[in-house]
Amino acid sequence: MKQITLLSSIERINGAVFRRNTVLKEVTLPGSVEMLKRSAFRDCENLETVDIRAERIEIEKNVFRGCKNLFDLIIPAGSLVRKSAFIDCPMKECIMVQDDIEAIDDEE
């Protein structure tokens, strides 16, 4: 399963649901997805593209940690992103973050 397009009835991606999936390359998240829970795509080392179609999304910590090939991701304005969402993601400088993104520290 190299490409996934999720159903429009899904509102959140639960924690670690795709963790360590080494086959996954592309994910399309419908506008209904409001939250990516902790470590949802952690260590998906071949993940290259995430298409977020929501107007706003909350990205918890470690969601894209270890996604070494992630280079195509646009985070919508008004979103909330934990600062640790992209740890060990060397391509993070290529991730497009729109204005008005709130980056917050991780809770203890």
N, C-alpha and C. Protein backbone atom coordinates (compact mmCIF):
# COMPACT_ATOMS: atom_id res chain seq x y z
N MET A 1 0.85 -1.17 0.00
CA MET A 1 0.00 0.00 0.00
C MET A 1 0.90 1.24 0.00
N LYS A 2 1.20 1.77 -1.16
CA LYS A 2 2.08 2.93 -1.28
C LYS A 2 1.35 4.24 -1.13
N GLN A 3 0.06 4.25 -1.46
CA GLN A 3 -0.72 5.49 -1.43
C GLN A 3 -2.04 5.24 -0.71
N ILE A 4 -2.41 6.19 0.17
CA ILE A 4 -3.66 6.07 0.92
C ILE A 4 -4.44 7.37 0.77
N THR A 5 -5.72 7.25 0.47
CA THR A 5 -6.65 8.37 0.52
C THR A 5 -7.71 7.98 1.54
N LEU A 6 -7.78 8.72 2.62
CA LEU A 6 -8.69 8.37 3.71
C LEU A 6 -10.11 8.84 3.42
N LEU A 7 -11.07 8.17 4.03
CA LEU A 7 -12.48 8.49 3.86
C LEU A 7 -12.81 9.85 4.46
N SER A 8 -13.77 10.52 3.87
CA SER A 8 -14.14 11.87 4.33
C SER A 8 -14.87 11.86 5.67
N SER A 9 -15.22 10.71 6.19
CA SER A 9 -15.88 10.63 7.50
C SER A 9 -14.87 10.59 8.66
N ILE A 10 -13.59 10.49 8.36
CA ILE A 10 -12.56 10.39 9.40
C ILE A 10 -12.21 11.79 9.90
N GLU A 11 -12.24 11.95 11.24
CA GLU A 11 -11.96 13.24 11.85
C GLU A 11 -10.58 13.32 12.49
N ARG A 12 -10.00 12.16 12.82
CA ARG A 12 -8.66 12.17 13.40
C ARG A 12 -7.93 10.88 13.05
N ILE A 13 -6.63 10.98 13.02
CA ILE A 13 -5.77 9.82 12.81
C ILE A 13 -5.19 9.48 14.18
N ASN A 14 -5.53 8.32 14.69
CA ASN A 14 -5.11 7.93 16.03
C ASN A 14 -3.61 7.71 16.12
N GLY A 15 -3.12 7.77 17.34
CA GLY A 15 -1.70 7.64 17.61
C GLY A 15 -1.10 6.35 17.10
N ALA A 16 0.03 6.49 16.43
CA ALA A 16 0.85 5.38 15.94
C ALA A 16 0.14 4.45 14.96
N VAL A 17 -0.95 4.88 14.37
CA VAL A 17 -1.73 3.99 13.49
C VAL A 17 -0.93 3.55 12.25
N PHE A 18 -0.06 4.41 11.73
CA PHE A 18 0.76 4.04 10.58
C PHE A 18 2.24 3.91 10.95
N ARG A 19 2.55 3.93 12.21
CA ARG A 19 3.94 3.92 12.68
C ARG A 19 4.73 2.75 12.08
N ARG A 20 5.93 3.09 11.62
CA ARG A 20 6.88 2.14 11.03
C ARG A 20 6.39 1.46 9.76
N ASN A 21 5.47 2.09 9.07
CA ASN A 21 5.03 1.57 7.77
C ASN A 21 6.08 2.01 6.76
N THR A 22 6.88 1.09 6.30
CA THR A 22 7.99 1.43 5.40
C THR A 22 7.60 1.40 3.93
N VAL A 23 6.37 1.04 3.63
CA VAL A 23 5.91 0.99 2.24
C VAL A 23 5.21 2.30 1.83
N LEU A 24 4.55 2.92 2.79
CA LEU A 24 3.73 4.10 2.53
C LEU A 24 4.56 5.26 1.99
N LYS A 25 4.11 5.84 0.85
CA LYS A 25 4.80 6.97 0.24
C LYS A 25 3.95 8.23 0.17
N GLU A 26 2.64 8.08 0.05
CA GLU A 26 1.78 9.25 -0.14
C GLU A 26 0.47 9.07 0.62
N VAL A 27 0.06 10.14 1.32
CA VAL A 27 -1.18 10.13 2.09
C VAL A 27 -1.99 11.36 1.75
N THR A 28 -3.29 11.16 1.50
CA THR A 28 -4.21 12.28 1.30
C THR A 28 -5.18 12.29 2.47
N LEU A 29 -5.19 13.40 3.21
CA LEU A 29 -6.08 13.56 4.35
C LEU A 29 -7.24 14.46 3.93
N PRO A 30 -8.47 13.97 4.01
CA PRO A 30 -9.62 14.78 3.58
C PRO A 30 -9.84 15.99 4.50
N GLY A 31 -10.68 16.89 4.07
CA GLY A 31 -10.97 18.09 4.85
C GLY A 31 -11.57 17.82 6.20
N SER A 32 -12.10 16.64 6.42
CA SER A 32 -12.72 16.29 7.69
C SER A 32 -11.71 16.00 8.80
N VAL A 33 -10.46 15.71 8.45
CA VAL A 33 -9.45 15.36 9.45
C VAL A 33 -9.00 16.63 10.17
N GLU A 34 -9.25 16.66 11.48
CA GLU A 34 -8.93 17.82 12.30
C GLU A 34 -7.71 17.60 13.18
N MET A 35 -7.29 16.35 13.37
CA MET A 35 -6.20 16.07 14.29
C MET A 35 -5.38 14.86 13.87
N LEU A 36 -4.07 15.01 14.00
CA LEU A 36 -3.14 13.89 13.84
C LEU A 36 -2.58 13.62 15.23
N LYS A 37 -2.94 12.48 15.79
CA LYS A 37 -2.54 12.15 17.15
C LYS A 37 -1.07 11.72 17.20
N ARG A 38 -0.55 11.70 18.39
CA ARG A 38 0.86 11.43 18.67
C ARG A 38 1.40 10.22 17.90
N SER A 39 2.50 10.44 17.19
CA SER A 39 3.26 9.41 16.48
C SER A 39 2.48 8.72 15.35
N ALA A 40 1.46 9.37 14.81
CA ALA A 40 0.60 8.76 13.79
C ALA A 40 1.39 8.21 12.60
N PHE A 41 2.39 8.94 12.14
CA PHE A 41 3.20 8.50 10.99
C PHE A 41 4.67 8.33 11.37
N ARG A 42 4.94 8.19 12.63
CA ARG A 42 6.33 8.11 13.11
C ARG A 42 7.08 6.96 12.43
N ASP A 43 8.30 7.28 12.02
CA ASP A 43 9.21 6.31 11.41
C ASP A 43 8.68 5.71 10.11
N CYS A 44 7.83 6.43 9.42
CA CYS A 44 7.43 6.03 8.06
C CYS A 44 8.51 6.59 7.14
N GLU A 45 9.63 5.92 7.10
CA GLU A 45 10.83 6.47 6.48
C GLU A 45 10.74 6.68 4.97
N ASN A 46 9.77 6.09 4.31
CA ASN A 46 9.62 6.31 2.88
C ASN A 46 8.48 7.26 2.52
N LEU A 47 7.81 7.79 3.54
CA LEU A 47 6.73 8.75 3.30
C LEU A 47 7.30 10.02 2.68
N GLU A 48 6.76 10.40 1.51
CA GLU A 48 7.26 11.56 0.78
C GLU A 48 6.27 12.72 0.75
N THR A 49 4.99 12.42 0.66
CA THR A 49 3.97 13.45 0.44
C THR A 49 2.78 13.25 1.37
N VAL A 50 2.35 14.34 2.01
CA VAL A 50 1.13 14.34 2.80
C VAL A 50 0.29 15.51 2.31
N ASP A 51 -0.87 15.20 1.76
CA ASP A 51 -1.78 16.21 1.24
C ASP A 51 -2.87 16.46 2.28
N ILE A 52 -2.77 17.59 2.99
CA ILE A 52 -3.74 17.95 4.02
C ILE A 52 -4.77 18.87 3.38
N ARG A 53 -6.01 18.42 3.33
CA ARG A 53 -7.07 19.21 2.70
C ARG A 53 -7.95 19.96 3.68
N ALA A 54 -7.65 19.81 4.98
CA ALA A 54 -8.42 20.51 6.02
C ALA A 54 -8.07 22.00 6.02
N GLU A 55 -9.00 22.81 6.49
CA GLU A 55 -8.73 24.24 6.61
C GLU A 55 -7.83 24.53 7.80
N ARG A 56 -7.88 23.66 8.80
CA ARG A 56 -7.08 23.79 10.01
C ARG A 56 -6.87 22.38 10.56
N ILE A 57 -5.68 22.14 11.12
CA ILE A 57 -5.40 20.82 11.67
C ILE A 57 -4.52 20.96 12.91
N GLU A 58 -4.67 20.04 13.84
CA GLU A 58 -3.80 19.98 15.01
C GLU A 58 -2.87 18.79 14.84
N ILE A 59 -1.57 19.05 14.96
CA ILE A 59 -0.56 18.02 14.79
C ILE A 59 0.15 17.83 16.12
N GLU A 60 -0.05 16.68 16.75
CA GLU A 60 0.55 16.41 18.04
C GLU A 60 2.02 16.02 17.90
N LYS A 61 2.67 15.81 19.03
CA LYS A 61 4.11 15.55 19.00
C LYS A 61 4.45 14.21 18.34
N ASN A 62 5.61 14.19 17.73
CA ASN A 62 6.20 13.01 17.09
C ASN A 62 5.40 12.47 15.90
N VAL A 63 4.45 13.22 15.39
CA VAL A 63 3.61 12.72 14.29
C VAL A 63 4.46 12.33 13.08
N PHE A 64 5.42 13.16 12.71
CA PHE A 64 6.26 12.87 11.55
C PHE A 64 7.71 12.58 11.94
N ARG A 65 7.93 12.24 13.18
CA ARG A 65 9.28 11.93 13.65
C ARG A 65 9.85 10.76 12.85
N GLY A 66 11.07 10.93 12.36
CA GLY A 66 11.74 9.86 11.63
C GLY A 66 11.28 9.66 10.20
N CYS A 67 10.47 10.59 9.69
CA CYS A 67 10.03 10.51 8.28
C CYS A 67 11.13 11.14 7.42
N LYS A 68 12.13 10.36 7.14
CA LYS A 68 13.36 10.84 6.53
C LYS A 68 13.23 11.33 5.10
N ASN A 69 12.16 10.97 4.40
CA ASN A 69 11.99 11.37 3.01
C ASN A 69 10.80 12.29 2.78
N LEU A 70 10.21 12.80 3.86
CA LEU A 70 9.07 13.70 3.73
C LEU A 70 9.53 15.04 3.17
N PHE A 71 9.04 15.39 1.99
CA PHE A 71 9.45 16.66 1.38
C PHE A 71 8.27 17.47 0.86
N ASP A 72 7.10 16.91 0.87
CA ASP A 72 5.94 17.62 0.30
C ASP A 72 4.80 17.63 1.33
N LEU A 73 4.70 18.74 2.05
CA LEU A 73 3.68 18.89 3.07
C LEU A 73 3.37 20.37 3.24
N ILE A 74 2.12 20.73 3.11
CA ILE A 74 1.70 22.11 3.35
C ILE A 74 0.76 22.09 4.55
N ILE A 75 1.12 22.84 5.57
CA ILE A 75 0.29 22.92 6.77
C ILE A 75 -0.59 24.16 6.64
N PRO A 76 -1.91 23.99 6.74
CA PRO A 76 -2.82 25.13 6.55
C PRO A 76 -2.68 26.21 7.62
N ALA A 77 -2.95 27.44 7.23
CA ALA A 77 -2.95 28.56 8.17
C ALA A 77 -3.95 28.27 9.29
N GLY A 78 -3.62 28.75 10.48
CA GLY A 78 -4.50 28.56 11.62
C GLY A 78 -4.33 27.23 12.33
N SER A 79 -3.40 26.42 11.86
CA SER A 79 -3.18 25.10 12.46
C SER A 79 -2.36 25.21 13.74
N LEU A 80 -2.40 24.16 14.52
CA LEU A 80 -1.67 24.06 15.77
C LEU A 80 -0.70 22.89 15.64
N VAL A 81 0.60 23.17 15.82
CA VAL A 81 1.62 22.14 15.61
C VAL A 81 2.53 22.08 16.84
N ARG A 82 2.68 20.90 17.40
CA ARG A 82 3.63 20.70 18.50
C ARG A 82 5.04 20.84 17.94
N LYS A 83 5.91 21.49 18.69
CA LYS A 83 7.27 21.74 18.22
C LYS A 83 8.04 20.46 17.91
N SER A 84 7.70 19.37 18.57
CA SER A 84 8.43 18.12 18.36
C SER A 84 7.81 17.25 17.26
N ALA A 85 6.88 17.77 16.50
CA ALA A 85 6.20 16.97 15.47
C ALA A 85 7.16 16.47 14.39
N PHE A 86 8.28 17.17 14.18
CA PHE A 86 9.18 16.84 13.08
C PHE A 86 10.58 16.45 13.53
N ILE A 87 10.73 15.95 14.74
CA ILE A 87 12.05 15.51 15.21
C ILE A 87 12.57 14.40 14.29
N ASP A 88 13.86 14.45 14.00
CA ASP A 88 14.52 13.45 13.14
C ASP A 88 13.89 13.38 11.75
N CYS A 89 13.41 14.50 11.30
CA CYS A 89 12.85 14.61 9.95
C CYS A 89 13.77 15.59 9.20
N PRO A 90 14.84 15.09 8.59
CA PRO A 90 15.85 15.98 8.02
C PRO A 90 15.34 16.87 6.88
N MET A 91 14.23 16.52 6.30
CA MET A 91 13.70 17.34 5.21
C MET A 91 12.76 18.43 5.72
N LYS A 92 12.72 18.65 7.03
CA LYS A 92 11.76 19.59 7.60
C LYS A 92 11.92 21.01 7.06
N GLU A 93 13.10 21.36 6.58
CA GLU A 93 13.26 22.69 6.01
C GLU A 93 12.49 22.85 4.69
N CYS A 94 12.08 21.76 4.08
CA CYS A 94 11.32 21.80 2.84
C CYS A 94 9.81 21.78 3.07
N ILE A 95 9.41 21.65 4.30
CA ILE A 95 7.99 21.57 4.62
C ILE A 95 7.41 22.98 4.63
N MET A 96 6.37 23.19 3.87
CA MET A 96 5.77 24.51 3.73
C MET A 96 4.81 24.76 4.88
N VAL A 97 5.10 25.79 5.64
CA VAL A 97 4.23 26.18 6.73
C VAL A 97 3.69 27.56 6.41
N GLN A 98 2.38 27.68 6.34
CA GLN A 98 1.76 28.94 6.01
C GLN A 98 1.79 29.88 7.22
N ASP A 99 1.52 31.14 6.97
CA ASP A 99 1.44 32.13 8.06
C ASP A 99 0.37 31.71 9.06
N ASP A 100 0.50 32.24 10.25
CA ASP A 100 -0.50 32.03 11.30
C ASP A 100 -0.57 30.58 11.79
N ILE A 101 0.56 29.89 11.82
CA ILE A 101 0.63 28.56 12.41
C ILE A 101 1.08 28.76 13.86
N GLU A 102 0.41 28.13 14.77
CA GLU A 102 0.80 28.23 16.16
C GLU A 102 1.63 27.00 16.52
N ALA A 103 2.93 27.24 16.77
CA ALA A 103 3.82 26.17 17.19
C ALA A 103 3.92 26.24 18.70
N ILE A 104 3.52 25.18 19.37
CA ILE A 104 3.52 25.21 20.82
C ILE A 104 4.44 24.15 21.39
N ASP A 105 4.93 24.42 22.60
CA ASP A 105 5.79 23.47 23.29
C ASP A 105 4.97 22.25 23.67
N ASP A 106 5.66 21.13 23.82
CA ASP A 106 5.01 19.90 24.23
C ASP A 106 4.66 19.98 25.69
N GLU A 107 3.49 19.45 26.02
CA GLU A 107 3.10 19.40 27.42
C GLU A 107 3.94 18.35 28.13
N GLU A 108 4.08 18.50 29.36
CA GLU A 108 4.89 17.55 30.15
C GLU A 108 4.19 16.24 30.29
